[in-house]
Every structure is written in C-alpha cells, then in structure tokens.
C-alpha cells in the first residue's frame, strides 16, 4: 500500500500537487480540515467534541484528531493507499499515525516535502489571494505569521521522518508539471 505524507509550508502547492498524486496513484485523499468539517457538520460524537475545542479557540487534541483520521481510513478498506494532507502537524501526531498504521500492518511509505523559498511563498500566497478571494492570503503580516508558525511548529515533523529515512525533499519551484514530475519520480523510487 502506498501511504504518502505531503508536506510543505503554506503556498508550497500541496493542494495542487496532492490532486496530481491522487490521480496518478489512485489514492484516497485525507485532509484533516475536511475531516473536521464533515464530522462537525454531521454532528458525530467526535465532531461535537472537536467543535467544543474549536469554539473555545483551542487546538483539537491529538487523540481526537487521530480518532477521526482512523475512522476515515477505516471507511476505505479497498484503498490502494492514502495521501495525508495537513497531518501530521506535530511529532506526537506522527508517532500516533505510525502506531495506527502499525495496528493495520501498514506504514507510511514516504514524506514528500515541498521546499520553496520564503519570498516565493509570499508571492504565491499574494497571487492566490487575488485569484481565489482568500483574504487570509492577502495580508503580508498574516502570511508571515503562517510561515513562522509552520517553521516553528510543523517543520520539525520532517526530522521524525528523516530519522526513519522516509523524508524526500522535493524542489517545489517551477511549473506545476515539472514539480509533479519530481514528485512522481520520488514516489516511483520508493517501490
């Protein structure tokens, strides 16, 4: 089974590239943001629990997040693999994901980390704000805060996968097609 963690800072192109990886390898896309929204909208027990934290402005605890993710994975017993988008965000979440995958006699195949210089990220986010109407991408201070939060809190997860020799750094600069080609070559090399 092919299980990919797609990783990178805001504006690195994860959304675009995850779509290309899903099509190429017939993977199930698991976005924690989408899973949260679906569970909250559906009024599930986990959704209500997550909402109670979100409504207080608190982070949803790792245990709740991983339970929702496990539930989604278990809904797809015929899957050829998964692409994890927006998860794990912390080393504790990466460890929890490994425990869950181990319980399924499976594992994460690789972490594909899109690497893009900060100035390029700022330009991409600014452009995205103009074309998509995402106001959070229009404010330079908000953009910088998101990049700083990523570097401080999320980037260390790469070290976890590096220690397992599963981290593959991908140059995230260039055309969409060129970046996709680099990602496909990295995935094909894991076989």
N, C-alpha and C. Protein backbone atom coordinates (compact mmCIF):
# COMPACT_ATOMS: atom_id res chain seq x y z
N UNK A 1 0.85 -1.18 0.00
CA UNK A 1 0.00 0.00 0.00
C UNK A 1 0.89 1.24 0.00
N UNK A 2 0.49 2.25 -0.73
CA UNK A 2 1.24 3.49 -0.86
C UNK A 2 0.61 4.53 0.05
N UNK A 3 1.35 4.96 1.07
CA UNK A 3 0.84 5.95 2.02
C UNK A 3 1.82 7.12 2.07
N UNK A 4 1.35 8.28 1.62
CA UNK A 4 2.21 9.45 1.47
C UNK A 4 1.77 10.56 2.42
N UNK A 5 2.74 11.14 3.11
CA UNK A 5 2.51 12.39 3.84
C UNK A 5 3.03 13.49 2.93
N UNK A 6 2.13 14.38 2.50
CA UNK A 6 2.53 15.52 1.67
C UNK A 6 2.74 16.71 2.59
N UNK A 7 3.90 17.31 2.48
CA UNK A 7 4.37 18.25 3.48
C UNK A 7 4.91 19.51 2.82
N UNK A 8 4.75 20.62 3.47
CA UNK A 8 5.33 21.86 2.97
C UNK A 8 4.64 23.05 3.59
N UNK A 9 5.27 24.21 3.50
CA UNK A 9 4.71 25.42 4.09
C UNK A 9 3.49 25.92 3.32
N UNK A 10 2.76 26.88 3.90
CA UNK A 10 1.63 27.48 3.18
C UNK A 10 2.11 28.06 1.86
N UNK A 11 1.40 27.74 0.78
CA UNK A 11 1.77 28.26 -0.53
C UNK A 11 2.74 27.39 -1.30
N UNK A 12 3.11 26.24 -0.74
CA UNK A 12 4.09 25.37 -1.41
C UNK A 12 3.47 24.61 -2.59
N UNK A 13 2.15 24.55 -2.64
CA UNK A 13 1.49 23.84 -3.74
C UNK A 13 0.96 22.47 -3.35
N UNK A 14 0.77 22.23 -2.06
CA UNK A 14 0.30 20.92 -1.61
C UNK A 14 -1.05 20.55 -2.20
N UNK A 15 -1.97 21.50 -2.23
CA UNK A 15 -3.31 21.20 -2.76
C UNK A 15 -3.27 20.78 -4.21
N UNK A 16 -2.58 21.55 -5.01
CA UNK A 16 -2.45 21.25 -6.45
C UNK A 16 -1.75 19.92 -6.66
N UNK A 17 -0.64 19.72 -5.96
CA UNK A 17 0.15 18.51 -6.17
C UNK A 17 -0.53 17.27 -5.59
N UNK A 18 -1.29 17.43 -4.51
CA UNK A 18 -1.99 16.27 -3.97
C UNK A 18 -3.01 15.75 -4.99
N UNK A 19 -3.67 16.67 -5.71
CA UNK A 19 -4.62 16.24 -6.75
C UNK A 19 -3.91 15.42 -7.83
N UNK A 20 -2.73 15.84 -8.22
CA UNK A 20 -1.97 15.11 -9.25
C UNK A 20 -1.52 13.74 -8.75
N UNK A 21 -1.10 13.67 -7.49
CA UNK A 21 -0.68 12.39 -6.91
C UNK A 21 -1.87 11.44 -6.77
N UNK A 22 -3.01 11.97 -6.38
CA UNK A 22 -4.22 11.15 -6.23
C UNK A 22 -4.60 10.51 -7.56
N UNK A 23 -4.60 11.33 -8.62
CA UNK A 23 -4.95 10.82 -9.95
C UNK A 23 -3.95 9.78 -10.43
N UNK A 24 -2.68 10.06 -10.26
CA UNK A 24 -1.64 9.17 -10.78
C UNK A 24 -1.62 7.81 -10.08
N UNK A 25 -1.80 7.83 -8.75
CA UNK A 25 -1.63 6.59 -7.97
C UNK A 25 -2.94 6.04 -7.39
N UNK A 26 -4.08 6.67 -7.71
CA UNK A 26 -5.38 6.21 -7.25
C UNK A 26 -5.43 6.13 -5.72
N UNK A 27 -5.04 7.23 -5.07
CA UNK A 27 -5.00 7.29 -3.62
C UNK A 27 -6.25 7.95 -3.06
N UNK A 28 -6.54 7.68 -1.79
CA UNK A 28 -7.62 8.34 -1.08
C UNK A 28 -7.01 9.56 -0.39
N UNK A 29 -7.61 10.71 -0.63
CA UNK A 29 -7.12 11.97 -0.04
C UNK A 29 -7.72 12.14 1.34
N UNK A 30 -6.87 12.32 2.33
CA UNK A 30 -7.32 12.56 3.70
C UNK A 30 -6.80 13.91 4.16
N UNK A 31 -7.69 14.88 4.20
CA UNK A 31 -7.37 16.22 4.68
C UNK A 31 -8.01 16.39 6.05
N UNK A 32 -7.18 16.68 7.06
CA UNK A 32 -7.75 16.81 8.40
C UNK A 32 -8.77 17.93 8.47
N UNK A 33 -8.54 19.01 7.72
CA UNK A 33 -9.51 20.11 7.71
C UNK A 33 -10.86 19.63 7.18
N UNK A 34 -10.84 18.88 6.08
CA UNK A 34 -12.09 18.35 5.51
C UNK A 34 -12.75 17.37 6.48
N UNK A 35 -11.94 16.54 7.14
CA UNK A 35 -12.49 15.55 8.08
C UNK A 35 -13.15 16.26 9.27
N UNK A 36 -12.48 17.29 9.80
CA UNK A 36 -13.09 18.07 10.89
C UNK A 36 -14.43 18.64 10.46
N UNK A 37 -14.44 19.32 9.31
CA UNK A 37 -15.67 19.96 8.85
C UNK A 37 -16.79 18.94 8.64
N UNK A 38 -16.48 17.80 8.06
CA UNK A 38 -17.51 16.78 7.82
C UNK A 38 -18.07 16.22 9.13
N UNK A 39 -17.20 15.98 10.09
CA UNK A 39 -17.65 15.44 11.38
C UNK A 39 -18.47 16.46 12.15
N UNK A 40 -18.05 17.73 12.09
CA UNK A 40 -18.80 18.78 12.79
C UNK A 40 -20.17 18.96 12.13
N UNK A 41 -20.18 19.05 10.80
CA UNK A 41 -21.44 19.22 10.07
C UNK A 41 -22.36 18.03 10.29
N UNK A 42 -21.78 16.83 10.33
CA UNK A 42 -22.57 15.62 10.52
C UNK A 42 -23.00 15.38 11.96
N UNK A 43 -22.50 16.20 12.88
CA UNK A 43 -22.89 16.07 14.29
C UNK A 43 -22.43 14.78 14.93
N UNK A 44 -21.30 14.21 14.45
CA UNK A 44 -20.79 12.98 15.06
C UNK A 44 -20.28 13.29 16.47
N UNK A 45 -20.13 12.24 17.27
CA UNK A 45 -19.60 12.44 18.62
C UNK A 45 -18.23 13.11 18.57
N UNK A 46 -17.36 12.62 17.66
CA UNK A 46 -16.03 13.21 17.54
C UNK A 46 -16.12 14.64 17.02
N UNK A 47 -17.04 14.89 16.10
CA UNK A 47 -17.24 16.23 15.58
C UNK A 47 -17.68 17.20 16.65
N UNK A 48 -18.61 16.77 17.49
CA UNK A 48 -19.08 17.62 18.59
C UNK A 48 -17.96 17.89 19.59
N UNK A 49 -17.14 16.87 19.83
CA UNK A 49 -16.01 17.04 20.74
C UNK A 49 -15.00 18.03 20.15
N UNK A 50 -14.68 17.86 18.87
CA UNK A 50 -13.75 18.78 18.21
C UNK A 50 -14.30 20.21 18.24
N UNK A 51 -15.60 20.35 17.96
CA UNK A 51 -16.22 21.67 17.94
C UNK A 51 -16.13 22.34 19.30
N UNK A 52 -16.23 21.56 20.37
CA UNK A 52 -16.14 22.16 21.71
C UNK A 52 -14.78 22.81 21.95
N UNK A 53 -13.73 22.24 21.36
CA UNK A 53 -12.39 22.85 21.48
C UNK A 53 -12.26 24.05 20.54
N UNK A 54 -12.71 23.88 19.31
CA UNK A 54 -12.61 24.95 18.31
C UNK A 54 -13.37 26.18 18.77
N UNK A 55 -14.56 25.98 19.34
CA UNK A 55 -15.38 27.10 19.80
C UNK A 55 -14.71 27.90 20.91
N UNK A 56 -13.80 27.26 21.65
CA UNK A 56 -13.05 27.95 22.71
C UNK A 56 -11.75 28.55 22.18
N UNK A 57 -11.50 28.35 20.89
CA UNK A 57 -10.26 28.85 20.31
C UNK A 57 -9.06 27.98 20.62
N UNK A 58 -9.32 26.75 21.07
CA UNK A 58 -8.24 25.83 21.43
C UNK A 58 -7.97 24.85 20.29
N UNK A 59 -6.77 24.30 20.28
CA UNK A 59 -6.45 23.26 19.31
C UNK A 59 -7.17 21.98 19.68
N UNK A 60 -7.62 21.25 18.68
CA UNK A 60 -8.25 19.95 18.92
C UNK A 60 -7.13 19.00 19.36
N UNK A 61 -7.31 18.30 20.48
CA UNK A 61 -6.25 17.41 20.96
C UNK A 61 -5.90 16.32 19.94
N UNK A 62 -4.64 15.90 19.98
CA UNK A 62 -4.16 14.88 19.06
C UNK A 62 -5.02 13.62 19.09
N UNK A 63 -5.47 13.21 20.28
CA UNK A 63 -6.25 11.97 20.39
C UNK A 63 -7.53 12.06 19.56
N UNK A 64 -8.19 13.21 19.61
CA UNK A 64 -9.44 13.39 18.86
C UNK A 64 -9.14 13.40 17.37
N UNK A 65 -8.09 14.12 16.98
CA UNK A 65 -7.72 14.21 15.57
C UNK A 65 -7.39 12.83 15.02
N UNK A 66 -6.60 12.05 15.73
CA UNK A 66 -6.19 10.73 15.23
C UNK A 66 -7.39 9.78 15.19
N UNK A 67 -8.32 9.91 16.14
CA UNK A 67 -9.53 9.06 16.09
C UNK A 67 -10.36 9.35 14.85
N UNK A 68 -10.49 10.64 14.50
CA UNK A 68 -11.23 10.99 13.28
C UNK A 68 -10.52 10.44 12.05
N UNK A 69 -9.20 10.56 12.04
CA UNK A 69 -8.42 10.08 10.91
C UNK A 69 -8.54 8.56 10.78
N UNK A 70 -8.46 7.85 11.90
CA UNK A 70 -8.61 6.39 11.89
C UNK A 70 -9.97 6.01 11.33
N UNK A 71 -11.01 6.72 11.75
CA UNK A 71 -12.36 6.44 11.26
C UNK A 71 -12.44 6.60 9.75
N UNK A 72 -11.81 7.65 9.21
CA UNK A 72 -11.81 7.87 7.76
C UNK A 72 -11.04 6.78 7.03
N UNK A 73 -9.88 6.41 7.54
CA UNK A 73 -9.08 5.35 6.91
C UNK A 73 -9.89 4.06 6.87
N UNK A 74 -10.55 3.75 7.97
CA UNK A 74 -11.31 2.51 8.07
C UNK A 74 -12.54 2.48 7.14
N UNK A 75 -12.97 3.64 6.65
CA UNK A 75 -14.08 3.69 5.70
C UNK A 75 -13.65 3.26 4.29
N UNK A 76 -12.35 3.07 4.08
CA UNK A 76 -11.82 2.76 2.75
C UNK A 76 -10.99 1.47 2.76
N UNK A 77 -11.63 0.32 3.06
CA UNK A 77 -10.85 -0.92 3.16
C UNK A 77 -10.24 -1.37 1.84
N UNK A 78 -10.78 -0.90 0.72
CA UNK A 78 -10.26 -1.31 -0.60
C UNK A 78 -9.21 -0.34 -1.15
N UNK A 79 -8.85 0.68 -0.38
CA UNK A 79 -7.93 1.71 -0.88
C UNK A 79 -6.57 1.13 -1.25
N UNK A 80 -6.00 1.71 -2.33
CA UNK A 80 -4.64 1.34 -2.74
C UNK A 80 -3.62 2.09 -1.92
N UNK A 81 -4.07 3.12 -1.21
CA UNK A 81 -3.19 3.92 -0.38
C UNK A 81 -3.85 5.25 -0.06
N UNK A 82 -3.15 6.03 0.72
CA UNK A 82 -3.68 7.30 1.21
C UNK A 82 -2.65 8.40 1.03
N UNK A 83 -3.15 9.60 0.86
CA UNK A 83 -2.29 10.78 0.91
C UNK A 83 -2.79 11.60 2.09
N UNK A 84 -1.91 11.85 3.03
CA UNK A 84 -2.24 12.59 4.24
C UNK A 84 -1.87 14.05 4.01
N UNK A 85 -2.88 14.92 4.06
CA UNK A 85 -2.73 16.34 3.76
C UNK A 85 -3.09 17.12 5.01
N UNK A 86 -2.13 17.84 5.56
CA UNK A 86 -2.39 18.61 6.78
C UNK A 86 -2.22 17.78 8.04
N UNK A 87 -1.65 16.63 7.91
CA UNK A 87 -1.44 15.74 9.04
C UNK A 87 -0.29 14.81 8.70
N UNK A 88 0.60 14.55 9.60
CA UNK A 88 0.71 15.08 10.97
C UNK A 88 1.33 16.47 11.00
N UNK A 89 0.92 17.25 12.00
CA UNK A 89 1.46 18.60 12.19
C UNK A 89 2.46 18.67 13.34
N UNK A 90 2.50 17.62 14.14
CA UNK A 90 3.44 17.57 15.27
C UNK A 90 4.09 16.18 15.30
N UNK A 91 5.21 16.09 16.00
CA UNK A 91 5.87 14.79 16.15
C UNK A 91 4.96 13.81 16.89
N UNK A 92 4.22 14.30 17.87
CA UNK A 92 3.29 13.42 18.60
C UNK A 92 2.23 12.85 17.65
N UNK A 93 1.75 13.66 16.72
CA UNK A 93 0.78 13.16 15.74
C UNK A 93 1.43 12.15 14.80
N UNK A 94 2.68 12.38 14.42
CA UNK A 94 3.40 11.44 13.55
C UNK A 94 3.56 10.09 14.26
N UNK A 95 3.89 10.13 15.53
CA UNK A 95 4.03 8.90 16.32
C UNK A 95 2.69 8.18 16.43
N UNK A 96 1.59 8.94 16.65
CA UNK A 96 0.25 8.34 16.74
C UNK A 96 -0.14 7.72 15.41
N UNK A 97 0.19 8.40 14.30
CA UNK A 97 -0.11 7.87 12.98
C UNK A 97 0.65 6.57 12.74
N UNK A 98 1.91 6.52 13.13
CA UNK A 98 2.69 5.29 12.99
C UNK A 98 2.08 4.14 13.80
N UNK A 99 1.64 4.43 15.02
CA UNK A 99 1.02 3.37 15.85
C UNK A 99 -0.24 2.85 15.18
N UNK A 100 -1.05 3.75 14.64
CA UNK A 100 -2.27 3.35 13.97
C UNK A 100 -1.94 2.51 12.73
N UNK A 101 -1.00 2.97 11.92
CA UNK A 101 -0.63 2.23 10.71
C UNK A 101 -0.07 0.86 11.08
N UNK A 102 0.74 0.79 12.14
CA UNK A 102 1.26 -0.49 12.61
C UNK A 102 0.12 -1.44 12.98
N UNK A 103 -0.93 -0.91 13.59
CA UNK A 103 -2.06 -1.75 14.00
C UNK A 103 -2.78 -2.34 12.78
N UNK A 104 -2.58 -1.73 11.62
CA UNK A 104 -3.15 -2.21 10.36
C UNK A 104 -2.14 -3.02 9.54
N UNK A 105 -0.98 -3.30 10.15
CA UNK A 105 0.13 -3.96 9.44
C UNK A 105 0.51 -3.16 8.20
N UNK A 106 0.59 -1.86 8.36
CA UNK A 106 0.91 -0.95 7.28
C UNK A 106 1.87 0.10 7.81
N UNK A 107 2.30 1.01 6.95
CA UNK A 107 3.20 2.07 7.39
C UNK A 107 3.15 3.23 6.40
N UNK A 108 3.72 4.34 6.82
CA UNK A 108 3.89 5.48 5.92
C UNK A 108 5.01 5.12 4.97
N UNK A 109 4.77 5.28 3.67
CA UNK A 109 5.78 4.96 2.66
C UNK A 109 6.84 6.04 2.61
N UNK A 110 6.38 7.31 2.56
CA UNK A 110 7.32 8.41 2.48
C UNK A 110 6.64 9.72 2.85
N UNK A 111 7.46 10.68 3.21
CA UNK A 111 7.02 12.06 3.37
C UNK A 111 7.64 12.83 2.22
N UNK A 112 6.79 13.40 1.38
CA UNK A 112 7.25 14.25 0.29
C UNK A 112 7.17 15.69 0.78
N UNK A 113 8.32 16.33 0.93
CA UNK A 113 8.39 17.68 1.47
C UNK A 113 8.70 18.67 0.37
N UNK A 114 7.70 19.50 0.04
CA UNK A 114 7.89 20.53 -0.97
C UNK A 114 8.68 21.68 -0.35
N UNK A 115 9.82 21.99 -0.97
CA UNK A 115 10.68 23.06 -0.46
C UNK A 115 10.61 24.25 -1.40
N UNK A 116 10.21 25.40 -0.83
CA UNK A 116 10.03 26.62 -1.61
C UNK A 116 10.59 27.78 -0.78
N UNK A 117 11.42 28.64 -1.38
CA UNK A 117 11.95 29.80 -0.65
C UNK A 117 10.82 30.71 -0.16
N UNK A 118 11.06 31.36 0.99
CA UNK A 118 10.03 32.20 1.60
C UNK A 118 9.50 33.29 0.68
N UNK A 119 10.37 33.95 -0.07
CA UNK A 119 9.91 35.03 -0.94
C UNK A 119 8.94 34.49 -2.00
N UNK A 120 9.24 33.31 -2.52
CA UNK A 120 8.34 32.67 -3.49
C UNK A 120 7.00 32.33 -2.84
N UNK A 121 7.03 31.84 -1.58
CA UNK A 121 5.78 31.53 -0.86
C UNK A 121 4.92 32.78 -0.72
N UNK A 122 5.56 33.89 -0.33
CA UNK A 122 4.81 35.14 -0.16
C UNK A 122 4.16 35.56 -1.48
N UNK A 123 4.89 35.44 -2.59
CA UNK A 123 4.35 35.80 -3.90
C UNK A 123 3.18 34.90 -4.29
N UNK A 124 3.35 33.61 -4.07
CA UNK A 124 2.28 32.67 -4.41
C UNK A 124 1.02 32.94 -3.61
N UNK A 125 1.18 33.18 -2.31
CA UNK A 125 0.02 33.43 -1.46
C UNK A 125 -0.68 34.73 -1.86
N UNK A 126 0.11 35.74 -2.18
CA UNK A 126 -0.47 37.00 -2.63
C UNK A 126 -1.25 36.78 -3.93
N UNK A 127 -0.69 36.04 -4.86
CA UNK A 127 -1.38 35.73 -6.12
C UNK A 127 -2.65 34.92 -5.88
N UNK A 128 -2.55 33.97 -4.96
CA UNK A 128 -3.72 33.14 -4.65
C UNK A 128 -4.85 33.99 -4.08
N UNK A 129 -4.49 34.98 -3.25
CA UNK A 129 -5.50 35.87 -2.68
C UNK A 129 -6.24 36.62 -3.78
N UNK A 130 -5.49 37.01 -4.81
CA UNK A 130 -6.10 37.78 -5.91
C UNK A 130 -7.01 36.91 -6.77
N UNK A 131 -6.69 35.64 -6.92
CA UNK A 131 -7.48 34.78 -7.80
C UNK A 131 -8.56 33.98 -7.08
N UNK A 132 -8.34 33.67 -5.79
CA UNK A 132 -9.30 32.82 -5.08
C UNK A 132 -10.15 33.56 -4.07
N UNK A 133 -9.77 34.81 -3.79
CA UNK A 133 -10.54 35.57 -2.81
C UNK A 133 -10.26 35.17 -1.38
N UNK A 134 -9.17 34.42 -1.16
CA UNK A 134 -8.84 34.03 0.22
C UNK A 134 -8.17 35.20 0.93
N UNK A 135 -8.93 35.86 1.79
CA UNK A 135 -8.45 37.07 2.44
C UNK A 135 -7.26 36.80 3.36
N UNK A 136 -7.16 35.57 3.89
CA UNK A 136 -6.02 35.25 4.77
C UNK A 136 -4.71 35.25 4.01
N UNK A 137 -4.78 35.14 2.68
CA UNK A 137 -3.57 35.15 1.86
C UNK A 137 -3.20 36.56 1.40
N UNK A 138 -4.03 37.56 1.69
CA UNK A 138 -3.79 38.91 1.18
C UNK A 138 -2.95 39.76 2.12
N UNK A 139 -3.00 39.48 3.40
CA UNK A 139 -2.32 40.30 4.40
C UNK A 139 -0.89 39.81 4.63
N UNK A 140 0.12 40.63 4.31
CA UNK A 140 1.52 40.21 4.47
C UNK A 140 1.86 39.77 5.90
N UNK A 141 1.25 40.40 6.90
CA UNK A 141 1.53 40.02 8.30
C UNK A 141 0.96 38.64 8.61
N UNK A 142 -0.24 38.37 8.10
CA UNK A 142 -0.85 37.05 8.31
C UNK A 142 -0.02 35.98 7.58
N UNK A 143 0.41 36.30 6.38
CA UNK A 143 1.25 35.36 5.62
C UNK A 143 2.51 35.03 6.40
N UNK A 144 3.18 36.06 6.91
CA UNK A 144 4.42 35.82 7.64
C UNK A 144 4.17 35.01 8.91
N UNK A 145 3.07 35.30 9.59
CA UNK A 145 2.74 34.55 10.81
C UNK A 145 2.53 33.07 10.48
N UNK A 146 1.83 32.80 9.36
CA UNK A 146 1.60 31.41 8.96
C UNK A 146 2.91 30.70 8.64
N UNK A 147 3.80 31.40 7.93
CA UNK A 147 5.10 30.81 7.59
C UNK A 147 5.92 30.56 8.87
N UNK A 148 5.92 31.54 9.78
CA UNK A 148 6.68 31.40 11.03
C UNK A 148 6.12 30.25 11.88
N UNK A 149 4.79 30.14 11.94
CA UNK A 149 4.17 29.05 12.70
C UNK A 149 4.56 27.71 12.10
N UNK A 150 4.53 27.62 10.79
CA UNK A 150 4.94 26.39 10.11
C UNK A 150 6.38 26.02 10.50
N UNK A 151 7.29 26.99 10.38
CA UNK A 151 8.71 26.71 10.67
C UNK A 151 8.90 26.29 12.12
N UNK A 152 8.19 26.94 13.03
CA UNK A 152 8.37 26.68 14.46
C UNK A 152 7.70 25.37 14.90
N UNK A 153 6.47 25.13 14.43
CA UNK A 153 5.68 24.04 14.99
C UNK A 153 5.59 22.80 14.09
N UNK A 154 5.54 23.01 12.78
CA UNK A 154 5.28 21.89 11.88
C UNK A 154 6.55 21.34 11.24
N UNK A 155 7.47 22.20 10.85
CA UNK A 155 8.69 21.75 10.17
C UNK A 155 9.45 20.66 10.93
N UNK A 156 9.47 20.69 12.28
CA UNK A 156 10.20 19.62 12.99
C UNK A 156 9.69 18.20 12.72
N UNK A 157 8.46 18.07 12.20
CA UNK A 157 7.94 16.73 11.86
C UNK A 157 8.83 16.09 10.78
N UNK A 158 9.42 16.91 9.93
CA UNK A 158 10.31 16.37 8.89
C UNK A 158 11.47 15.58 9.51
N UNK A 159 11.96 16.05 10.65
CA UNK A 159 13.06 15.35 11.31
C UNK A 159 12.65 13.94 11.74
N UNK A 160 11.39 13.80 12.14
CA UNK A 160 10.87 12.49 12.54
C UNK A 160 10.97 11.50 11.37
N UNK A 161 10.54 11.94 10.19
CA UNK A 161 10.58 11.07 9.02
C UNK A 161 12.00 10.93 8.46
N UNK A 162 12.81 11.97 8.64
CA UNK A 162 14.22 11.88 8.22
C UNK A 162 14.91 10.76 9.01
N UNK A 163 14.62 10.68 10.29
CA UNK A 163 15.23 9.65 11.15
C UNK A 163 14.82 8.25 10.70
N UNK A 164 13.66 8.13 10.06
CA UNK A 164 13.18 6.84 9.54
C UNK A 164 13.61 6.61 8.09
N UNK A 165 14.36 7.56 7.55
CA UNK A 165 14.80 7.53 6.15
C UNK A 165 13.61 7.49 5.19
N UNK A 166 12.54 8.23 5.54
CA UNK A 166 11.34 8.31 4.70
C UNK A 166 11.11 9.70 4.14
N UNK A 167 11.97 10.66 4.52
CA UNK A 167 11.81 12.03 4.05
C UNK A 167 12.43 12.18 2.67
N UNK A 168 11.65 12.72 1.73
CA UNK A 168 12.15 13.02 0.38
C UNK A 168 11.89 14.50 0.13
N UNK A 169 12.96 15.28 0.07
CA UNK A 169 12.85 16.72 -0.21
C UNK A 169 12.64 16.91 -1.70
N UNK A 170 11.66 17.72 -2.04
CA UNK A 170 11.31 17.98 -3.44
C UNK A 170 11.42 19.49 -3.70
N UNK A 171 12.15 19.84 -4.73
CA UNK A 171 12.22 21.24 -5.13
C UNK A 171 10.84 21.65 -5.61
N UNK A 172 10.21 22.58 -4.88
CA UNK A 172 8.85 23.00 -5.18
C UNK A 172 8.76 24.25 -6.04
N UNK A 173 9.85 24.58 -6.73
CA UNK A 173 9.85 25.75 -7.61
C UNK A 173 9.87 25.28 -9.06
N UNK A 174 9.06 25.92 -9.88
CA UNK A 174 8.97 25.57 -11.29
C UNK A 174 7.52 25.44 -11.70
N UNK A 175 7.31 24.90 -12.89
CA UNK A 175 5.94 24.72 -13.37
C UNK A 175 5.27 23.60 -12.57
N UNK A 176 3.95 23.61 -12.58
CA UNK A 176 3.19 22.56 -11.90
C UNK A 176 3.61 21.20 -12.44
N UNK A 177 3.76 21.11 -13.75
CA UNK A 177 4.12 19.84 -14.39
C UNK A 177 5.52 19.38 -13.96
N UNK A 178 6.47 20.31 -13.89
CA UNK A 178 7.84 19.96 -13.50
C UNK A 178 7.89 19.46 -12.05
N UNK A 179 7.13 20.12 -11.18
CA UNK A 179 7.10 19.70 -9.78
C UNK A 179 6.42 18.34 -9.66
N UNK A 180 5.32 18.15 -10.40
CA UNK A 180 4.64 16.85 -10.39
C UNK A 180 5.59 15.74 -10.84
N UNK A 181 6.35 16.00 -11.88
CA UNK A 181 7.30 15.01 -12.39
C UNK A 181 8.31 14.62 -11.30
N UNK A 182 8.80 15.62 -10.55
CA UNK A 182 9.74 15.33 -9.45
C UNK A 182 9.07 14.46 -8.38
N UNK A 183 7.82 14.79 -8.07
CA UNK A 183 7.09 14.01 -7.07
C UNK A 183 6.88 12.58 -7.55
N UNK A 184 6.46 12.42 -8.81
CA UNK A 184 6.22 11.08 -9.35
C UNK A 184 7.51 10.26 -9.33
N UNK A 185 8.61 10.88 -9.71
CA UNK A 185 9.90 10.17 -9.69
C UNK A 185 10.27 9.71 -8.28
N UNK A 186 10.00 10.58 -7.30
CA UNK A 186 10.30 10.22 -5.90
C UNK A 186 9.43 9.05 -5.44
N UNK A 187 8.15 9.09 -5.78
CA UNK A 187 7.23 8.02 -5.36
C UNK A 187 7.64 6.71 -6.08
N UNK A 188 7.90 6.79 -7.37
CA UNK A 188 8.28 5.59 -8.12
C UNK A 188 9.55 4.97 -7.58
N UNK A 189 10.44 5.78 -7.04
CA UNK A 189 11.70 5.28 -6.48
C UNK A 189 11.51 4.55 -5.16
N UNK A 190 10.31 4.71 -4.52
CA UNK A 190 10.08 4.04 -3.24
C UNK A 190 9.69 2.58 -3.42
N UNK A 191 9.34 2.20 -4.65
CA UNK A 191 8.91 0.80 -4.90
C UNK A 191 10.03 -0.18 -4.70
